[in-house]
Amino acid sequence: MAELNLLDLYPQVDRDTEERARTKTEAQKNIALQFGWEYFDKKGICYNGYFYDGRWVPIVKRFIEHY
């Protein structure tokens, strides 16, 4: 069976995630481990008001068409 890559439309990360992980402060790491309101919104740390941007829509459509 041939390999099929249904995730090729997924946007590639254009930033250095390794560097970002190395520069986190201990306070930021502790907040991130809690995964609560503080992790997503407090003072712009980490996700700063995360919202869904629709990046999975074209990928899900490809899955539906394929299967």
C-alpha atoms as a PDB file:
ATOM      1  CA  MET A   1       0.000   0.000   0.000  1.00  0.00           C
ATOM      2  CA  ALA A   2       1.360   3.428  -0.920  1.00  0.00           C
ATOM      3  CA  GLU A   3       1.999   5.998   1.769  1.00  0.00           C
ATOM      4  CA  LEU A   4      -0.501   8.844   1.854  1.00  0.00           C
ATOM      5  CA  ASN A   5       0.309  12.150   3.552  1.00  0.00           C
ATOM      6  CA  LEU A   6      -2.977  13.845   4.428  1.00  0.00           C
ATOM      7  CA  LEU A   7      -1.193  16.413   6.607  1.00  0.00           C
ATOM      8  CA  ASP A   8       0.836  18.048   3.838  1.00  0.00           C
ATOM      9  CA  LEU A   9      -1.500  21.063   3.891  1.00  0.00           C
ATOM     10  CA  TYR A  10      -0.870  21.692   7.592  1.00  0.00           C
ATOM     11  CA  PRO A  11       1.067  24.950   8.073  1.00  0.00           C
ATOM     12  CA  GLN A  12       4.715  24.478   8.988  1.00  0.00           C
ATOM     13  CA  VAL A  13       6.125  26.193  12.068  1.00  0.00           C
ATOM     14  CA  ASP A  14       8.338  29.095  11.006  1.00  0.00           C
ATOM     15  CA  ARG A  15       9.928  29.816  14.384  1.00  0.00           C
ATOM     16  CA  ASP A  16      12.591  28.115  16.449  1.00  0.00           C
ATOM     17  CA  THR A  17      10.552  26.203  19.021  1.00  0.00           C
ATOM     18  CA  GLU A  18      13.691  24.785  20.647  1.00  0.00           C
ATOM     19  CA  GLU A  19      15.008  28.293  21.356  1.00  0.00           C
ATOM     20  CA  ARG A  20      11.626  29.345  22.700  1.00  0.00           C
ATOM     21  CA  ALA A  21      11.633  26.406  25.109  1.00  0.00           C
ATOM     22  CA  ARG A  22      15.157  27.238  26.301  1.00  0.00           C
ATOM     23  CA  THR A  23      14.325  30.887  27.050  1.00  0.00           C
ATOM     24  CA  LYS A  24      11.259  30.260  29.235  1.00  0.00           C
ATOM     25  CA  THR A  25      11.596  31.443  32.809  1.00  0.00           C
ATOM     26  CA  GLU A  26      10.904  29.101  35.695  1.00  0.00           C
ATOM     27  CA  ALA A  27       7.776  31.120  36.538  1.00  0.00           C
ATOM     28  CA  GLN A  28       6.457  30.664  32.994  1.00  0.00           C
ATOM     29  CA  LYS A  29       7.207  26.930  33.105  1.00  0.00           C
ATOM     30  CA  ASN A  30       5.335  26.568  36.401  1.00  0.00           C
ATOM     31  CA  ILE A  31       2.320  28.409  35.009  1.00  0.00           C
ATOM     32  CA  ALA A  32       2.357  26.262  31.868  1.00  0.00           C
ATOM     33  CA  LEU A  33       2.276  23.098  33.964  1.00  0.00           C
ATOM     34  CA  GLN A  34      -1.003  24.206  35.533  1.00  0.00           C
ATOM     35  CA  PHE A  35      -2.852  24.500  32.180  1.00  0.00           C
ATOM     36  CA  GLY A  36      -5.418  26.823  33.700  1.00  0.00           C
ATOM     37  CA  TRP A  37      -6.604  30.357  32.953  1.00  0.00           C
ATOM     38  CA  GLU A  38      -3.140  31.703  33.768  1.00  0.00           C
ATOM     39  CA  TYR A  39      -1.543  29.570  31.054  1.00  0.00           C
ATOM     40  CA  PHE A  40      -3.704  30.974  28.286  1.00  0.00           C
ATOM     41  CA  ASP A  41      -4.429  34.581  29.235  1.00  0.00           C
ATOM     42  CA  LYS A  42      -2.764  36.092  32.285  1.00  0.00           C
ATOM     43  CA  LYS A  43      -0.444  38.969  31.335  1.00  0.00           C
ATOM     44  CA  GLY A  44       0.091  37.673  27.812  1.00  0.00           C
ATOM     45  CA  ILE A  45       2.152  34.698  28.945  1.00  0.00           C
ATOM     46  CA  CYS A  46       2.273  31.709  26.565  1.00  0.00           C
ATOM     47  CA  TYR A  47      -0.802  31.667  24.323  1.00  0.00           C
ATOM     48  CA  ASN A  48      -2.106  35.164  25.109  1.00  0.00           C
ATOM     49  CA  GLY A  49      -5.794  34.663  24.366  1.00  0.00           C
ATOM     50  CA  TYR A  50      -5.673  31.530  22.214  1.00  0.00           C
ATOM     51  CA  PHE A  51      -8.322  31.258  19.533  1.00  0.00           C
ATOM     52  CA  TYR A  52      -8.981  28.666  16.835  1.00  0.00           C
ATOM     53  CA  ASP A  53      -7.706  29.923  13.499  1.00  0.00           C
ATOM     54  CA  GLY A  54      -9.189  27.248  11.227  1.00  0.00           C
ATOM     55  CA  ARG A  55      -5.910  25.584  10.228  1.00  0.00           C
ATOM     56  CA  TRP A  56      -7.432  22.100  10.469  1.00  0.00           C
ATOM     57  CA  VAL A  57     -10.374  22.780   8.113  1.00  0.00           C
ATOM     58  CA  PRO A  58      -8.601  21.880   4.828  1.00  0.00           C
ATOM     59  CA  ILE A  59      -6.980  18.839   6.433  1.00  0.00           C
ATOM     60  CA  VAL A  60     -10.280  17.502   7.748  1.00  0.00           C
ATOM     61  CA  LYS A  61     -11.840  18.007   4.306  1.00  0.00           C
ATOM     62  CA  ARG A  62      -9.048  15.875   2.793  1.00  0.00           C
ATOM     63  CA  PHE A  63      -9.669  13.134   5.350  1.00  0.00           C
ATOM     64  CA  ILE A  64     -13.402  13.174   4.522  1.00  0.00           C
ATOM     65  CA  GLU A  65     -12.727  13.045   0.781  1.00  0.00           C
ATOM     66  CA  HIS A  66     -10.236  10.214   1.166  1.00  0.00           C
ATOM     67  CA  TYR A  67     -12.263   8.008   3.477  1.00  0.00           C
END
